[in-house]
Protein backbone atom coordinates (compact mmCIF):
# COMPACT_ATOMS: atom_id res chain seq x y z
CA MET A 1 -213.36 135.76 -25.44
CA SER A 2 -211.99 138.12 -27.82
CA ASP A 3 -208.46 136.33 -27.84
CA PHE A 4 -209.38 133.66 -30.34
CA LYS A 5 -212.48 132.85 -32.32
CA ILE A 6 -214.05 130.07 -34.48
CA GLN A 7 -213.68 130.48 -38.17
CA GLN A 8 -217.15 129.51 -39.86
CA THR A 9 -216.01 127.91 -43.45
CA PRO A 10 -217.80 126.35 -45.79
CA ALA A 11 -217.74 122.49 -46.16
CA ALA A 12 -216.06 122.23 -49.09
CA LYS A 13 -212.91 124.37 -47.49
CA GLU A 14 -213.21 122.98 -44.10
CA GLN A 15 -210.19 120.92 -44.46
CA ALA A 16 -208.41 123.59 -46.22
CA ARG A 17 -207.46 126.13 -43.38
CA PRO A 18 -207.47 125.72 -39.48
CA ILE A 19 -210.70 126.00 -37.75
CA LEU A 20 -209.11 127.91 -34.75
CA THR A 21 -206.46 131.34 -34.85
CA HIS A 22 -205.26 132.67 -31.43
CA GLU A 23 -202.85 135.11 -30.60
CA LYS A 24 -199.31 134.57 -29.45
CA SER A 25 -199.10 132.70 -26.06
CA LEU A 26 -202.80 132.41 -25.52
CA SER A 27 -202.21 129.45 -23.89
CA GLN A 28 -199.98 130.51 -21.20
CA LYS A 29 -203.03 133.37 -20.28
CA ILE A 30 -205.86 130.40 -19.84
CA ALA A 31 -205.57 128.71 -16.81
CA ARG A 32 -205.51 124.74 -16.86
CA GLY A 33 -208.59 123.25 -15.61
CA SER A 34 -210.69 126.33 -16.48
CA GLU A 35 -213.64 126.99 -19.01
CA ALA A 36 -211.52 128.70 -21.20
CA GLY A 37 -208.72 126.19 -20.70
CA ASP A 38 -210.95 123.37 -21.93
CA LEU A 39 -212.34 124.94 -24.80
CA LEU A 40 -208.62 125.46 -26.06
CA ASP A 41 -207.72 121.81 -25.28
CA GLN A 42 -211.12 120.99 -27.62
CA GLN A 43 -210.01 123.47 -30.29
CA MET A 44 -206.47 122.19 -30.09
CA ALA A 45 -207.45 118.46 -30.62
CA MET A 46 -209.30 119.96 -33.74
CA LEU A 47 -206.65 121.28 -35.21
CA GLY A 48 -204.64 118.17 -34.41
CA ILE A 49 -207.26 115.91 -36.25
CA GLN A 50 -206.88 118.63 -39.27
CA LEU A 51 -202.82 118.15 -39.19
CA ILE A 52 -202.88 114.14 -39.20
CA THR A 53 -205.59 114.57 -42.30
CA GLN A 54 -203.45 117.18 -44.08
CA LEU A 55 -200.35 114.75 -43.32
CA ASN A 56 -201.82 111.85 -44.89
CA VAL A 57 -202.59 113.72 -47.66
CA LEU A 58 -199.27 114.70 -48.54
CA MET A 59 -198.01 111.54 -47.85
CA LYS A 60 -200.42 110.20 -50.30
CA ILE A 61 -199.71 112.90 -53.25
CA SER A 62 -196.32 112.26 -52.74
CA ARG A 63 -196.31 108.89 -54.01
CA MET A 64 -197.59 110.14 -57.41
CA TYR A 65 -195.96 113.30 -57.65
CA GLN A 66 -192.22 114.88 -57.40
CA ARG A 67 -191.49 116.98 -54.36
CA THR A 68 -191.92 120.07 -56.37
CA ASN A 69 -195.17 119.67 -58.19
CA ALA A 70 -197.87 121.95 -57.78
CA ALA A 71 -200.43 119.15 -56.53
CA LEU A 72 -198.61 119.21 -53.07
CA ASP A 73 -198.92 122.85 -52.44
CA LYS A 74 -202.34 122.70 -51.08
CA PRO A 75 -201.42 119.93 -48.11
CA VAL A 76 -198.04 121.94 -47.48
CA GLU A 77 -200.01 125.30 -47.39
CA THR A 78 -202.70 123.73 -44.95
CA MET A 79 -200.00 121.78 -42.46
CA LEU A 80 -198.00 125.11 -42.57
CA THR A 81 -200.94 127.51 -41.19
CA LEU A 82 -201.95 124.89 -38.84
CA ILE A 83 -198.20 124.49 -37.29
CA LYS A 84 -197.78 127.99 -37.17
CA ALA A 85 -201.18 128.32 -35.55
CA MET A 86 -200.36 125.74 -32.91
CA THR A 87 -196.89 126.27 -32.31
CA HIS A 88 -196.79 129.76 -30.68
CA ASP A 89 -195.67 128.67 -27.46
CA GLN A 90 -193.63 125.30 -27.94
CA PRO A 91 -193.27 122.78 -30.80
CA ILE A 92 -196.34 120.33 -31.17
CA ALA A 93 -195.83 116.53 -30.90
CA VAL A 94 -197.95 113.89 -32.78
CA ARG A 95 -197.40 110.56 -30.69
CA LEU A 96 -198.11 106.98 -31.07
CA GLN A 97 -198.47 104.48 -28.17
CA ASN A 98 -200.13 100.99 -28.77
CA ASP A 99 -202.13 101.99 -31.78
CA PHE A 100 -203.32 105.39 -29.64
CA LEU A 101 -202.58 108.77 -31.39
CA PHE A 102 -201.86 111.37 -28.88
CA LEU A 103 -201.51 115.36 -29.26
CA GLY A 104 -198.62 116.09 -26.93
CA ASN A 105 -200.04 114.32 -23.97
CA SER A 106 -203.60 114.53 -24.68
CA HIS A 107 -205.13 111.38 -26.40
CA LEU A 108 -206.57 112.31 -29.95
CA LYS A 109 -210.34 110.80 -30.15
CA VAL A 110 -211.49 110.31 -33.77
CA ASN A 111 -214.73 109.48 -34.88
CA ALA A 112 -215.97 107.08 -37.68
CA GLN A 113 -215.04 109.28 -40.54
CA GLN A 114 -211.77 109.97 -39.46
CA MET A 115 -210.74 106.95 -38.67
CA ALA A 116 -209.46 105.87 -41.93
CA VAL A 117 -206.89 108.59 -41.65
CA ALA A 118 -205.80 107.79 -38.05
CA THR A 119 -205.47 104.33 -39.49
CA SER A 120 -203.17 105.39 -42.07
CA ILE A 121 -201.15 107.46 -40.13
CA ILE A 122 -200.99 104.50 -37.16
CA ASP A 123 -199.78 101.85 -39.89
CA THR A 124 -197.21 104.35 -41.32
CA LEU A 125 -195.66 105.04 -37.94
CA ASN A 126 -195.51 101.14 -36.95
CA SER A 127 -194.08 100.38 -39.94
CA TRP A 128 -191.35 102.54 -39.50
CA LYS A 129 -191.18 102.13 -35.56
CA ILE A 130 -191.53 105.89 -35.22
CA GLY A 131 -193.26 106.91 -32.00
CA GLY A 132 -194.25 110.36 -33.24
CA GLY A 133 -192.98 113.37 -34.96
CA THR A 134 -192.54 116.81 -33.36
CA PHE A 135 -193.10 120.04 -35.43
CA SER A 136 -191.83 123.60 -34.53
CA LEU A 137 -192.26 127.09 -35.63
CA THR A 138 -189.27 127.10 -37.65
CA VAL A 139 -190.55 124.60 -40.04
CA GLU A 140 -190.85 125.50 -43.92
CA ALA A 141 -192.91 124.54 -46.89
CA LYS A 142 -189.27 122.61 -48.18
CA ASP A 143 -188.87 121.09 -45.06
CA LEU A 144 -192.60 119.20 -45.48
CA ARG A 145 -191.77 118.45 -48.92
CA GLU A 146 -188.54 116.87 -48.63
CA PHE A 147 -189.84 114.79 -45.45
CA ALA A 148 -192.73 113.52 -47.35
CA ALA A 149 -190.29 112.57 -50.21
CA LEU A 150 -188.59 110.57 -47.75
CA PHE A 151 -191.24 107.94 -47.64
CA VAL A 152 -191.45 107.30 -51.07
CA ALA A 153 -187.54 106.99 -51.21
CA LEU A 154 -186.96 104.81 -48.45
CA THR A 155 -188.77 101.96 -47.40
CA PRO A 156 -189.14 100.59 -43.76
CA ASP A 157 -187.66 97.14 -44.51
CA ASP A 158 -184.16 98.29 -44.87
CA THR A 159 -184.33 101.70 -43.24
CA THR A 160 -183.68 102.47 -39.51
CA LEU A 161 -185.31 105.10 -37.46
CA ASP A 162 -181.62 106.33 -37.13
CA ASP A 163 -181.19 106.04 -40.95
CA LEU A 164 -184.00 108.26 -41.30
CA ARG A 165 -182.48 110.77 -39.05
CA ARG A 166 -179.36 110.96 -40.64
CA GLU A 167 -181.31 111.45 -44.28
CA MET A 168 -183.23 114.25 -42.88
CA ALA A 169 -180.08 115.93 -41.67
CA ALA A 170 -178.66 115.29 -45.10
CA ARG A 171 -181.49 116.79 -47.00
CA GLY A 172 -181.53 119.86 -44.64
CA ILE A 173 -184.69 118.99 -43.02
CA ALA A 174 -185.63 121.63 -40.42
CA GLY A 175 -188.61 121.92 -37.96
CA ILE A 176 -189.03 118.31 -37.73
CA GLU A 177 -187.96 116.03 -35.27
CA LEU A 178 -188.86 112.08 -34.90
CA GLU A 179 -189.37 110.29 -31.56
CA ASP A 180 -188.56 106.74 -30.43
CA PRO A 181 -191.56 104.45 -30.24
CA ARG A 182 -192.93 104.66 -26.78
CA GLN A 183 -194.89 101.63 -24.30
CA LEU A 184 -198.43 102.55 -23.15
CA GLN A 185 -198.96 101.91 -19.63
CA VAL A 186 -202.88 101.32 -18.90
CA ARG A 187 -204.86 101.28 -15.04
CA ASP A 188 -207.41 98.44 -15.06
CA GLU A 189 -210.33 99.25 -12.83
CA THR A 190 -208.48 97.64 -9.90
CA GLY A 191 -205.77 100.53 -10.04
CA THR A 192 -203.11 97.92 -10.99
CA ALA A 193 -200.88 99.01 -13.96
CA GLY A 194 -199.84 97.05 -16.88
CA LYS A 195 -199.15 97.07 -20.58
CA ALA A 196 -202.11 97.63 -22.45
CA GLY A 197 -203.58 94.30 -23.72
CA LEU A 198 -206.04 95.78 -26.36
CA THR A 199 -204.48 98.49 -28.85
CA GLY A 200 -206.36 101.53 -30.20
CA MET A 201 -206.73 99.91 -33.78
CA ASP A 202 -207.80 96.24 -32.09
CA SER A 203 -210.46 98.75 -30.34
CA ALA A 204 -211.25 100.27 -33.53
CA ARG A 205 -211.44 97.21 -35.38
CA SER A 206 -214.14 95.82 -32.73
CA LYS A 207 -216.28 99.46 -33.12
CA ARG A 208 -214.42 100.80 -30.21
CA ASN A 209 -212.22 102.97 -31.75
CA GLY A 210 -210.29 105.76 -30.61
CA SER A 211 -212.98 107.89 -29.61
CA GLU A 212 -214.04 105.72 -27.03
CA PRO A 213 -211.35 103.22 -25.63
CA PRO A 214 -212.06 100.49 -23.70
CA LYS A 215 -213.03 101.12 -20.07
CA THR A 216 -210.36 99.29 -18.48
CA ALA A 217 -207.91 100.50 -21.15
CA MET A 218 -208.14 104.27 -20.97
CA PRO A 219 -204.97 105.84 -22.61
CA LYS A 220 -202.79 108.15 -21.00
CA TRP A 221 -199.32 109.50 -22.02
CA GLN A 222 -196.38 107.92 -20.55
CA ASP A 223 -193.34 109.79 -21.08
CA ARG A 224 -191.11 106.66 -21.15
CA SER A 225 -189.25 105.51 -24.40
CA GLU A 226 -189.72 101.79 -25.39
CA PRO A 227 -187.02 99.77 -23.74
């Protein structure tokens, strides 16, 4: 497996840079369902957790400092590194359905230590009625700074998703797109489809968090917008 490597980093730097680096178009060279493909999926999921962690850090710091402040440098730099590593083949999307987070179409499983970060991101997306965000290879530092600043300058009470999109265009934010909210469909043990009755955060608050969803409501990404 010479195409990619796991970088061993000190614990203090673990959140500062990606775990995985891989060459351009690696995912196109690995057969899905193979052992190597499973490993790649696992590593992409780990990067996805790092991405939402750094996004959460950026949002919090942006509430305390102006967009040009040096305090934003580290989360912006780390997010850029993660995005560049993950978008060689195509843009990557962090999505929300019924309080479950997905990286693309794959459920992002979080542990107890990561639950606070997941909850913060989920609450933010829910409050703004955002179904997710797509990041592409063209995103730059200024785009991430302006994007985070939007959530400080505006409030979800008087701002719609379309308002956010218009403001992003007006500020010249590129490489980031917002998705409409979606509704999760699940199947129970009898195979009957229906809307999820227990959300991911309900599950988490009953100590059955996103890392172990209810067996009758295993989250699967449904590619449909909320009616």
